[in-house]
Amino acid sequence: MRLFIAIEPPPPLLEYLTELSASLPSKDALRVTPATHLHLTLKFLGETQEGDEIISILRELSSEVPPFLVSPGRCGIFPERGQPRIVWCSLIPSSSSLTELNRLCEERLLSLGFPREARPFTPHITLARAKRGVSPRGVKEWIDVQSPSQLSAEIREVSLVRSILGSNGARYSRLATLPLGG
């Protein structure tokens, strides 16, 4: 199974992100993330058969982190230079809970053989992926006119998600959703 640990945006945040995605330029060169696939990846696990053990660890660590608020932040692209591959919106937490949740995932999953992520944790939601020949200038101009929203939404749960790759993109199925704070 190809798995990842995710935070799925609650309805007000999901609505905002969907509207933001709809305003993207160059839609013919971008594959916009469907609303049902919008999420923040806490940790990508890849191919594994450790589902039950991961759920057990997630149950334990999610009880240690209280629910928290996030707000959408600035938009950007990965990579920052050259041909854009990913268009994203950052999430700004109101407390250290999101960073703590990520740290606990990284730390506790070491026991199952999942290495720490080498890159620093950058909380974001992927709005679109480049298909072909997207103009860096057009996307950067779009980013420049975006302003952070005053919206905030409470994150109350974390999910273990299975990703099934197919010719029409990935299909996601939630294997477990665990409440934060016990």
Protein backbone atom coordinates (compact mmCIF):
# COMPACT_ATOMS: atom_id res chain seq x y z
CA MET A 1 0.00 0.00 0.00
CA ARG A 2 1.19 3.52 -0.83
CA LEU A 3 0.44 5.58 2.29
CA PHE A 4 0.78 9.08 3.67
CA ILE A 5 -0.30 10.89 6.84
CA ALA A 6 -2.46 13.93 6.14
CA ILE A 7 -4.48 16.77 7.52
CA GLU A 8 -7.58 17.37 5.46
CA PRO A 9 -8.89 20.94 5.37
CA PRO A 10 -12.20 21.52 7.21
CA PRO A 11 -15.11 22.92 5.12
CA PRO A 12 -14.42 26.70 5.33
CA LEU A 13 -10.75 26.20 4.45
CA LEU A 14 -11.61 23.68 1.73
CA GLU A 15 -14.02 26.17 0.16
CA TYR A 16 -11.38 28.92 0.20
CA LEU A 17 -8.73 26.64 -1.34
CA THR A 18 -11.16 25.45 -4.03
CA GLU A 19 -11.94 29.06 -5.00
CA LEU A 20 -8.23 29.90 -4.99
CA SER A 21 -7.53 26.93 -7.29
CA ALA A 22 -10.31 28.02 -9.64
CA SER A 23 -8.59 31.40 -10.07
CA LEU A 24 -5.30 29.87 -11.28
CA PRO A 25 -4.03 30.99 -14.70
CA SER A 26 -2.89 28.63 -17.48
CA LYS A 27 -5.39 25.90 -16.57
CA ASP A 28 -4.53 24.11 -19.81
CA ALA A 29 -0.95 23.70 -18.54
CA LEU A 30 -1.88 22.93 -14.91
CA ARG A 31 -3.65 19.95 -13.40
CA VAL A 32 -5.70 21.51 -10.60
CA THR A 33 -5.98 19.34 -7.48
CA PRO A 34 -9.60 18.16 -7.07
CA ALA A 35 -11.25 19.43 -3.87
CA THR A 36 -11.51 15.83 -2.61
CA HIS A 37 -7.70 15.52 -2.84
CA LEU A 38 -6.69 18.77 -1.10
CA HIS A 39 -4.62 17.95 1.99
CA LEU A 40 -1.49 18.83 3.92
CA THR A 41 0.98 15.93 3.93
CA LEU A 42 2.48 15.48 7.39
CA LYS A 43 4.57 12.53 6.25
CA PHE A 44 4.78 10.54 3.03
CA LEU A 45 5.39 6.88 3.85
CA GLY A 46 5.44 5.30 0.39
CA GLU A 47 4.89 1.58 -0.18
CA THR A 48 4.40 -0.29 3.09
CA GLN A 49 2.40 -3.09 4.67
CA GLU A 50 2.65 -1.53 8.16
CA GLY A 51 -0.89 -0.03 8.16
CA ASP A 52 -2.02 -1.37 11.56
CA GLU A 53 1.23 -0.41 13.28
CA ILE A 54 1.08 3.08 11.77
CA ILE A 55 -2.51 3.53 12.96
CA SER A 56 -1.46 2.48 16.45
CA ILE A 57 1.36 5.05 16.50
CA LEU A 58 -0.95 7.74 15.07
CA ARG A 59 -3.58 7.01 17.72
CA GLU A 60 -0.97 7.54 20.43
CA LEU A 61 0.65 10.68 19.05
CA SER A 62 -2.61 12.36 17.98
CA SER A 63 -3.84 12.17 21.57
CA GLU A 64 -0.80 14.25 22.63
CA VAL A 65 -1.53 17.20 20.35
CA PRO A 66 -4.59 19.40 20.94
CA PRO A 67 -6.74 20.72 18.06
CA PHE A 68 -5.35 23.95 16.61
CA LEU A 69 -6.23 26.76 14.22
CA VAL A 70 -4.66 27.34 10.82
CA SER A 71 -5.01 30.17 8.33
CA PRO A 72 -4.15 30.12 4.65
CA GLY A 73 -0.95 32.03 3.99
CA ARG A 74 0.97 33.00 0.90
CA CYS A 75 0.97 31.07 -2.34
CA GLY A 76 4.12 29.85 -4.04
CA ILE A 77 5.69 27.38 -6.43
CA PHE A 78 8.12 24.49 -6.17
CA PRO A 79 10.81 24.79 -7.34
CA GLU A 80 11.17 28.50 -6.72
CA ARG A 81 13.40 28.93 -9.79
CA GLY A 82 12.92 27.55 -13.27
CA GLN A 83 9.93 25.59 -14.50
CA PRO A 84 7.18 25.39 -11.83
CA ARG A 85 6.06 21.85 -10.97
CA ILE A 86 3.81 22.57 -7.98
CA VAL A 87 1.59 25.55 -7.11
CA TRP A 88 0.80 25.65 -3.38
CA CYS A 89 -0.82 27.61 -0.57
CA SER A 90 0.93 27.69 2.79
CA LEU A 91 -0.88 27.07 6.06
CA ILE A 92 -0.06 29.22 9.07
CA PRO A 93 -0.78 27.55 12.42
CA SER A 94 -1.87 29.63 15.42
CA SER A 95 0.33 27.57 17.74
CA SER A 96 3.24 25.12 17.62
CA SER A 97 0.82 22.16 17.43
CA LEU A 98 1.26 21.57 13.68
CA THR A 99 5.05 21.55 13.94
CA GLU A 100 4.79 19.30 17.00
CA LEU A 101 2.49 16.89 15.14
CA ASN A 102 5.00 16.67 12.29
CA ARG A 103 7.90 16.19 14.73
CA LEU A 104 6.07 13.38 16.53
CA CYS A 105 5.27 11.63 13.23
CA GLU A 106 8.90 11.81 12.15
CA GLU A 107 10.19 10.65 15.54
CA ARG A 108 7.73 7.84 16.29
CA LEU A 109 7.73 6.32 12.81
CA LEU A 110 11.49 5.78 12.97
CA SER A 111 10.71 2.64 15.00
CA LEU A 112 8.98 1.17 11.92
CA GLY A 113 11.92 2.00 9.67
CA PHE A 114 10.58 5.21 8.09
CA PRO A 115 13.48 7.66 7.79
CA ARG A 116 13.17 11.32 8.74
CA GLU A 117 12.35 13.68 5.90
CA ALA A 118 15.56 15.42 4.82
CA ARG A 119 13.82 18.65 3.79
CA PRO A 120 12.47 21.05 6.42
CA PHE A 121 8.72 20.82 7.07
CA THR A 122 6.91 23.44 4.97
CA PRO A 123 3.17 23.28 5.77
CA HIS A 124 1.36 23.69 2.45
CA ILE A 125 -1.47 22.34 0.35
CA THR A 126 -0.82 21.57 -3.32
CA LEU A 127 -3.30 23.51 -5.48
CA ALA A 128 -2.04 22.29 -8.86
CA ARG A 129 0.72 20.41 -10.67
CA ALA A 130 2.24 21.50 -13.96
CA LYS A 131 1.27 19.30 -16.92
CA ARG A 132 3.45 20.88 -19.58
CA GLY A 133 4.93 24.18 -20.58
CA VAL A 134 3.35 26.32 -17.88
CA SER A 135 4.61 29.88 -18.00
CA PRO A 136 6.61 30.65 -14.86
CA ARG A 137 5.84 34.32 -15.46
CA GLY A 138 2.05 33.78 -15.59
CA VAL A 139 2.03 31.75 -12.38
CA LYS A 140 4.36 34.18 -10.61
CA GLU A 141 2.13 37.10 -11.63
CA TRP A 142 -0.87 35.21 -10.19
CA ILE A 143 1.06 34.60 -6.94
CA ASP A 144 1.99 38.28 -6.69
CA VAL A 145 -1.67 39.39 -6.64
CA GLN A 146 -2.78 36.86 -4.01
CA SER A 147 -3.13 38.12 -0.47
CA PRO A 148 -3.41 35.94 2.64
CA SER A 149 -6.94 35.34 3.87
CA GLN A 150 -8.20 36.30 7.33
CA LEU A 151 -9.97 32.93 7.48
CA SER A 152 -9.02 30.49 10.22
CA ALA A 153 -10.16 26.92 10.61
CA GLU A 154 -9.77 24.39 13.39
CA ILE A 155 -7.82 21.22 12.66
CA ARG A 156 -9.31 18.45 14.79
CA GLU A 157 -8.01 15.24 13.24
CA VAL A 158 -5.24 13.51 11.34
CA SER A 159 -5.70 10.78 8.72
CA LEU A 160 -3.80 7.83 7.31
CA VAL A 161 -4.51 7.84 3.58
CA ARG A 162 -3.90 5.24 0.89
CA SER A 163 -2.98 6.53 -2.55
CA ILE A 164 -3.72 4.30 -5.53
CA LEU A 165 -2.00 5.52 -8.68
CA GLY A 166 -3.80 5.15 -12.00
CA SER A 167 -3.77 6.51 -15.53
CA ASN A 168 -6.24 9.25 -14.50
CA GLY A 169 -4.18 10.29 -11.48
CA ALA A 170 -4.26 9.13 -7.87
CA ARG A 171 -7.30 7.85 -6.02
CA TYR A 172 -7.32 8.34 -2.24
CA SER A 173 -8.98 6.27 0.43
CA ARG A 174 -8.87 7.08 4.12
CA LEU A 175 -7.73 4.10 6.20
CA ALA A 176 -8.09 5.84 9.56
CA THR A 177 -9.02 9.25 10.94
CA LEU A 178 -7.93 9.99 14.48
CA PRO A 179 -9.01 12.92 16.65
CA LEU A 180 -6.44 15.31 18.01
CA GLY A 181 -6.26 15.70 21.77
CA GLY A 182 -7.58 12.24 22.51
